[in-house]
C-alpha atoms as a PDB file:
ATOM      1  CA  MET A   1      22.249  -2.788  10.556  1.00  0.00           C
ATOM      2  CA  THR A   2      19.358  -1.731   8.332  1.00  0.00           C
ATOM      3  CA  ARG A   3      15.970  -1.556  10.055  1.00  0.00           C
ATOM      4  CA  LEU A   4      12.460  -1.130   8.731  1.00  0.00           C
ATOM      5  CA  LYS A   5      10.926   1.727  10.736  1.00  0.00           C
ATOM      6  CA  LEU A   6       7.575   1.923   8.930  1.00  0.00           C
ATOM      7  CA  LEU A   7       5.678  -0.090   6.327  1.00  0.00           C
ATOM      8  CA  LEU A   8       2.088   0.440   5.260  1.00  0.00           C
ATOM      9  CA  CYS A   9      -0.300   0.179   2.335  1.00  0.00           C
ATOM     10  CA  ALA A  10      -2.687   2.966   1.343  1.00  0.00           C
ATOM     11  CA  GLU A  11      -4.845   4.293  -1.458  1.00  0.00           C
ATOM     12  CA  GLY A  12      -2.517   7.244  -1.835  1.00  0.00           C
ATOM     13  CA  VAL A  13       0.956   8.457  -0.870  1.00  0.00           C
ATOM     14  CA  ILE A  14       2.147  11.892  -1.942  1.00  0.00           C
ATOM     15  CA  ARG A  15       5.599  13.433  -1.606  1.00  0.00           C
ATOM     16  CA  ASP A  16       5.718  17.209  -1.623  1.00  0.00           C
ATOM     17  CA  ALA A  17       8.733  17.930  -3.810  1.00  0.00           C
ATOM     18  CA  GLU A  18       9.196  21.441  -2.483  1.00  0.00           C
ATOM     19  CA  ILE A  19       9.450  20.649   1.226  1.00  0.00           C
ATOM     20  CA  ASN A  20      10.053  16.878   1.014  1.00  0.00           C
ATOM     21  CA  THR A  21       7.179  15.797   3.262  1.00  0.00           C
ATOM     22  CA  ILE A  22       4.988  12.727   2.903  1.00  0.00           C
ATOM     23  CA  SER A  23       1.181  12.668   3.032  1.00  0.00           C
ATOM     24  CA  ILE A  24      -0.565   9.317   3.281  1.00  0.00           C
ATOM     25  CA  TYR A  25      -4.320   8.902   2.938  1.00  0.00           C
ATOM     26  CA  ASN A  26      -6.777   6.019   3.231  1.00  0.00           C
ATOM     27  CA  ILE A  27      -4.503   3.504   4.915  1.00  0.00           C
ATOM     28  CA  ILE A  28      -5.691   0.027   3.982  1.00  0.00           C
ATOM     29  CA  GLU A  29      -6.212  -2.207   7.018  1.00  0.00           C
ATOM     30  CA  GLU A  30      -8.793  -4.551   5.528  1.00  0.00           C
ATOM     31  CA  LEU A  31     -10.658  -5.078   2.280  1.00  0.00           C
ATOM     32  CA  ASN A  32     -14.218  -6.372   2.158  1.00  0.00           C
ATOM     33  CA  SER A  33     -15.758  -7.944  -0.930  1.00  0.00           C
ATOM     34  CA  PRO A  34     -18.927  -9.925  -1.685  1.00  0.00           C
ATOM     35  CA  GLY A  35     -16.877 -12.155  -3.984  1.00  0.00           C
ATOM     36  CA  PHE A  36     -13.412 -13.257  -4.987  1.00  0.00           C
ATOM     37  CA  PRO A  37     -11.273 -12.907  -7.011  1.00  0.00           C
ATOM     38  CA  LEU A  38     -11.079  -9.215  -6.132  1.00  0.00           C
ATOM     39  CA  PHE A  39      -9.362  -6.712  -8.428  1.00  0.00           C
ATOM     40  CA  LEU A  40      -7.476  -4.011  -6.553  1.00  0.00           C
ATOM     41  CA  GLN A  41      -7.031  -1.211  -9.054  1.00  0.00           C
ATOM     42  CA  LYS A  42      -4.339   0.793  -7.273  1.00  0.00           C
ATOM     43  CA  MET A  43      -2.389   0.575  -4.039  1.00  0.00           C
ATOM     44  CA  TYR A  44       0.662   2.344  -2.676  1.00  0.00           C
ATOM     45  CA  ILE A  45       3.294   0.844  -0.411  1.00  0.00           C
ATOM     46  CA  PHE A  46       5.262   3.250   1.761  1.00  0.00           C
ATOM     47  CA  SER A  47       8.402   2.212   3.579  1.00  0.00           C
ATOM     48  CA  LEU A  48      10.899   3.978   5.803  1.00  0.00           C
ATOM     49  CA  LEU A  49      14.285   2.318   6.235  1.00  0.00           C
ATOM     50  CA  GLU A  50      16.976   3.365   8.710  1.00  0.00           C
ATOM     51  CA  ARG A  51      20.657   2.450   8.767  1.00  0.00           C
ATOM     52  CA  ASP A  52      23.626   2.749  11.088  1.00  0.00           C
ATOM     53  CA  PRO A  53      26.397   5.144   9.992  1.00  0.00           C
ATOM     54  CA  LYS A  54      28.768   2.218   9.302  1.00  0.00           C
ATOM     55  CA  ASP A  55      26.274   0.506   6.983  1.00  0.00           C
ATOM     56  CA  PRO A  56      26.635   0.829   3.190  1.00  0.00           C
ATOM     57  CA  SER A  57      24.834   3.783   1.626  1.00  0.00           C
ATOM     58  CA  GLU A  58      23.216   1.583  -1.030  1.00  0.00           C
ATOM     59  CA  ILE A  59      21.302  -1.630  -0.366  1.00  0.00           C
ATOM     60  CA  GLU A  60      19.164  -3.980  -2.416  1.00  0.00           C
ATOM     61  CA  CYS A  61      15.740  -4.963  -1.062  1.00  0.00           C
ATOM     62  CA  LYS A  62      12.741  -6.899  -2.275  1.00  0.00           C
ATOM     63  CA  ILE A  63       9.067  -6.281  -1.741  1.00  0.00           C
ATOM     64  CA  LYS A  64       6.962  -9.426  -1.897  1.00  0.00           C
ATOM     65  CA  LEU A  65       3.183  -9.355  -2.192  1.00  0.00           C
ATOM     66  CA  ILE A  66       1.511 -12.556  -1.025  1.00  0.00           C
ATOM     67  CA  ASN A  67      -2.182 -13.525  -1.001  1.00  0.00           C
ATOM     68  CA  ASN A  68      -2.304 -16.264   1.631  1.00  0.00           C
ATOM     69  CA  GLU A  69       0.356 -18.720   0.377  1.00  0.00           C
ATOM     70  CA  ASN A  70       0.474 -17.449  -3.237  1.00  0.00           C
ATOM     71  CA  GLN A  71       3.187 -14.966  -4.125  1.00  0.00           C
ATOM     72  CA  LEU A  72       1.671 -12.388  -6.475  1.00  0.00           C
ATOM     73  CA  GLN A  73       4.665 -10.136  -7.105  1.00  0.00           C
ATOM     74  CA  GLU A  74       8.309  -9.676  -6.184  1.00  0.00           C
ATOM     75  CA  ILE A  75       9.751  -6.228  -6.815  1.00  0.00           C
ATOM     76  CA  ASP A  76      13.434  -5.351  -6.552  1.00  0.00           C
ATOM     77  CA  ILE A  77      14.159  -2.040  -4.814  1.00  0.00           C
ATOM     78  CA  LYS A  78      17.476  -0.222  -4.651  1.00  0.00           C
ATOM     79  CA  ALA A  79      17.657   2.019  -1.592  1.00  0.00           C
ATOM     80  CA  ASP A  80      20.261   4.780  -1.926  1.00  0.00           C
ATOM     81  CA  PHE A  81      20.659   6.477   1.446  1.00  0.00           C
ATOM     82  CA  LYS A  82      23.424   8.764   0.085  1.00  0.00           C
ATOM     83  CA  ASP A  83      24.726  10.452   3.254  1.00  0.00           C
ATOM     84  CA  LYS A  84      21.425  10.174   5.149  1.00  0.00           C
ATOM     85  CA  LYS A  85      20.377   7.948   8.037  1.00  0.00           C
ATOM     86  CA  ARG A  86      16.922   7.203   6.580  1.00  0.00           C
ATOM     87  CA  HIS A  87      15.515   6.278   3.188  1.00  0.00           C
ATOM     88  CA  ARG A  88      11.871   6.389   2.126  1.00  0.00           C
ATOM     89  CA  PHE A  89      10.367   4.699  -0.857  1.00  0.00           C
ATOM     90  CA  ILE A  90       6.948   4.870  -2.406  1.00  0.00           C
ATOM     91  CA  LEU A  91       5.845   1.993  -4.603  1.00  0.00           C
ATOM     92  CA  ARG A  92       2.672   2.188  -6.684  1.00  0.00           C
ATOM     93  CA  ILE A  93       0.992  -1.074  -7.623  1.00  0.00           C
ATOM     94  CA  ASP A  94      -1.357  -0.754 -10.608  1.00  0.00           C
ATOM     95  CA  GLY A  95      -3.729  -3.702 -10.735  1.00  0.00           C
ATOM     96  CA  LEU A  96      -3.548  -6.633  -8.371  1.00  0.00           C
ATOM     97  CA  VAL A  97      -5.818  -9.691  -8.458  1.00  0.00           C
ATOM     98  CA  LEU A  98      -6.532 -11.167  -5.032  1.00  0.00           C
ATOM     99  CA  GLN A  99      -7.761 -14.723  -5.547  1.00  0.00           C
ATOM    100  CA  SER A 100      -9.144 -15.545  -2.120  1.00  0.00           C
ATOM    101  CA  PRO A 101     -10.110 -14.101   1.246  1.00  0.00           C
ATOM    102  CA  GLY A 102      -7.571 -14.308   4.041  1.00  0.00           C
ATOM    103  CA  ASN A 103      -4.576 -11.992   3.950  1.00  0.00           C
ATOM    104  CA  LEU A 104      -2.634  -9.794   1.578  1.00  0.00           C
ATOM    105  CA  ILE A 105       0.878  -9.478   2.967  1.00  0.00           C
ATOM    106  CA  ALA A 106       3.585  -7.016   1.911  1.00  0.00           C
ATOM    107  CA  ILE A 107       7.051  -8.166   3.020  1.00  0.00           C
ATOM    108  CA  VAL A 108      10.303  -6.193   2.827  1.00  0.00           C
ATOM    109  CA  GLU A 109      13.428  -8.354   2.592  1.00  0.00           C
ATOM    110  CA  LYS A 110      17.130  -7.577   2.471  1.00  0.00           C
ATOM    111  CA  GLU A 111      19.455 -10.422   1.463  1.00  0.00           C
ATOM    112  CA  CYS A 112      16.707 -13.019   2.131  1.00  0.00           C
ATOM    113  CA  GLU A 113      16.161 -11.659   5.653  1.00  0.00           C
ATOM    114  CA  GLU A 114      12.707 -10.327   6.429  1.00  0.00           C
ATOM    115  CA  LEU A 115      12.878  -6.747   7.724  1.00  0.00           C
ATOM    116  CA  GLY A 116       9.134  -6.464   8.287  1.00  0.00           C
ATOM    117  CA  ARG A 117       5.647  -7.085   6.973  1.00  0.00           C
ATOM    118  CA  TYR A 118       2.277  -5.386   6.660  1.00  0.00           C
ATOM    119  CA  THR A 119      -0.897  -7.474   6.603  1.00  0.00           C
ATOM    120  CA  ILE A 120      -4.245  -6.513   5.084  1.00  0.00           C
ATOM    121  CA  GLU A 121      -7.184  -8.698   6.063  1.00  0.00           C
ATOM    122  CA  LEU A 122      -9.380  -9.797   3.137  1.00  0.00           C
ATOM    123  CA  LYS A 123     -12.970 -10.600   4.107  1.00  0.00           C
ATOM    124  CA  TYR A 124     -16.195 -11.759   2.525  1.00  0.00           C
ATOM    125  CA  THR A 125     -19.110  -9.406   3.073  1.00  0.00           C
ATOM    126  CA  SER A 126     -22.796  -9.784   2.432  1.00  0.00           C
ATOM    127  CA  GLU A 127     -24.169  -8.977  -0.990  1.00  0.00           C
ATOM    128  CA  PRO A 128     -23.915  -5.283  -1.815  1.00  0.00           C
ATOM    129  CA  LYS A 129     -26.991  -3.277  -0.960  1.00  0.00           C
ATOM    130  CA  ALA A 130     -28.527  -1.076  -3.610  1.00  0.00           C
ATOM    131  CA  THR A 131     -30.572   1.971  -2.714  1.00  0.00           C
ATOM    132  CA  ILE A 132     -32.529   4.171  -5.040  1.00  0.00           C
ATOM    133  CA  GLU A 133     -32.241   7.867  -4.458  1.00  0.00           C
ATOM    134  CA  GLU A 134     -35.302   9.786  -5.509  1.00  0.00           C
ATOM    135  CA  PRO A 135     -34.781  13.154  -7.166  1.00  0.00           C
ATOM    136  CA  SER A 136     -35.341  16.072  -4.881  1.00  0.00           C
ATOM    137  CA  GLU A 137     -38.762  17.690  -5.125  1.00  0.00           C
ATOM    138  CA  LYS A 138     -37.327  21.037  -4.269  1.00  0.00           C
ATOM    139  CA  LYS A 139     -38.112  23.450  -7.097  1.00  0.00           C
ATOM    140  CA  LEU A 140     -35.528  25.842  -8.370  1.00  0.00           C
ATOM    141  CA  ASP A 141     -36.533  29.475  -8.701  1.00  0.00           C
ATOM    142  CA  LYS A 142     -36.697  30.530 -12.338  1.00  0.00           C
ATOM    143  CA  GLU A 143     -36.104  34.007 -13.503  1.00  0.00           C
ATOM    144  CA  ASP A 144     -38.357  35.066 -16.369  1.00  0.00           C
END
C-alpha cells in the first residue's frame, strides 16, 4: 500500500544533487492579502511517498490544487520508486491566481483515492501600511 508520509507547500525546495538531501524554506501555512484575486508568483509542493515491498515500483498520482470549491490545476505525476521504499517529488508551480479568501488545498491522489492534503489558509488583511524611510544623516568621511 502506498502512503503519503509528507506533503507541504513552500516558497522554495532545493535538492542537493551531490548528497541527495532536501532543503525546504519558507513553508507556506497562510497567505494574507488586502484584496483578491491574489496572484501567487511561485510555489513549490514537496511530497514524500512510501510503499510496501510488494507494491509496484511505478505508480501514477495526481496533484490537485483547489481554491475553496474551484479546482485550479490537476497535474499528473509518475512516481518511479525503482528499488527504493520511498519516493520524493518536487513540483514547482509558476503563477497561480487565487480568486477568493478561504483555503488553497493541495491534494495527492492515487487511482481516485486521496492519499493526503495540505491546506493553506487565505485571509483578508487590512490595507497595506506605507512608511517613508528618511535618508540617514550620518556623513561619510571623504578623503581629499
